[in-house]
Protein backbone atom coordinates (compact mmCIF):
# COMPACT_ATOMS: atom_id res chain seq x y z
CA PRO A 1 0.00 0.00 0.00
CA PHE A 2 1.07 3.58 -0.57
CA VAL A 3 -0.18 7.17 -0.54
CA ILE A 4 0.18 9.64 -3.41
CA VAL A 5 -0.17 13.27 -2.34
CA CYS A 6 -0.83 16.07 -4.84
CA ASN A 7 -1.17 19.69 -3.81
CA HIS A 8 -3.10 20.91 -6.88
CA GLN A 9 -1.18 24.06 -7.68
CA ALA A 10 -3.22 24.28 -10.89
CA SER A 11 -6.34 22.60 -12.21
CA LEU A 12 -4.17 20.81 -14.77
CA ASP A 13 -2.59 18.81 -11.94
CA LEU A 14 -5.73 16.70 -11.88
CA MET A 15 -5.22 15.73 -15.50
CA GLY A 16 -1.64 14.68 -14.79
CA MET A 17 -2.73 12.64 -11.78
CA VAL A 18 -4.98 10.54 -14.00
CA GLU A 19 -1.88 9.26 -15.77
CA VAL A 20 0.10 8.31 -12.65
CA ILE A 21 -2.59 6.87 -10.37
CA PRO A 22 -2.31 3.07 -10.36
CA GLU A 23 -5.21 0.74 -11.09
CA ARG A 24 -7.51 -0.12 -8.19
CA CYS A 25 -6.51 3.07 -6.39
CA VAL A 26 -8.97 4.93 -4.18
CA PRO A 27 -8.64 8.70 -4.68
CA ILE A 28 -9.70 11.06 -1.89
CA ALA A 29 -9.94 14.83 -2.38
CA LYS A 30 -11.09 17.89 -0.49
CA ARG A 31 -14.73 18.72 -1.09
CA GLU A 32 -13.87 22.16 -2.51
CA LEU A 33 -12.66 20.47 -5.71
CA LEU A 34 -16.20 19.31 -6.36
CA TYR A 35 -17.16 22.91 -7.14
CA LEU A 36 -14.54 23.57 -9.86
CA GLY A 37 -16.98 23.37 -12.76
CA THR A 38 -16.14 20.70 -15.32
CA VAL A 39 -13.13 19.56 -13.27
CA GLY A 40 -15.44 18.93 -10.32
CA TRP A 41 -17.87 16.98 -12.50
CA ALA A 42 -15.02 14.89 -13.90
CA CYS A 43 -13.78 14.15 -10.38
CA TRP A 44 -17.24 13.15 -9.22
CA LEU A 45 -17.87 10.96 -12.27
CA SER A 46 -14.51 9.23 -11.83
CA GLY A 47 -15.47 8.13 -8.33
CA ILE A 48 -13.28 10.37 -6.21
CA ILE A 49 -14.29 10.35 -2.54
CA PHE A 50 -14.70 13.88 -1.23
CA ILE A 51 -14.06 14.93 2.36
CA ASP A 52 -15.17 18.16 4.00
CA ARG A 53 -12.10 19.38 5.86
CA ARG A 54 -14.15 21.96 7.77
CA ARG A 55 -16.18 19.17 9.41
CA ARG A 56 -13.43 17.15 11.06
CA ASP A 57 -15.65 14.43 12.54
CA ALA A 58 -17.46 13.87 9.24
CA ALA A 59 -14.15 13.75 7.35
CA ILE A 60 -12.75 11.17 9.77
CA GLY A 61 -15.93 9.12 9.34
CA VAL A 62 -15.64 9.15 5.55
CA ILE A 63 -11.98 8.15 5.69
CA SER A 64 -12.73 5.36 8.21
CA ARG A 65 -15.54 3.92 6.07
CA THR A 66 -13.32 4.16 2.99
CA ALA A 67 -10.47 2.36 4.77
CA SER A 68 -12.84 -0.43 5.86
CA ALA A 69 -14.14 -0.86 2.31
CA MET A 70 -10.57 -0.87 0.96
CA ARG A 71 -9.55 -3.66 3.35
CA ARG A 72 -12.70 -5.62 2.56
CA GLU A 73 -12.24 -5.27 -1.23
CA ASN A 74 -8.42 -5.55 -1.14
CA VAL A 75 -7.69 -2.28 -2.97
CA ARG A 76 -4.97 0.30 -2.45
């Protein structure tokens, strides 16, 4: 298992990430990206899991449920 961290200095970073993310990877992104117009739609359609960093408890819950599903389904 591994973690890939991208800091999104530009909206084009997302396009580059698509090329380097391995198969069966579970992407997680901050919820603010969801509202970037077509980029947000593309993220949502590609199955990215969004977390709301302003709601710490909710974000931890989403990450915990995602981790459980990843272990259950044996994905990275």
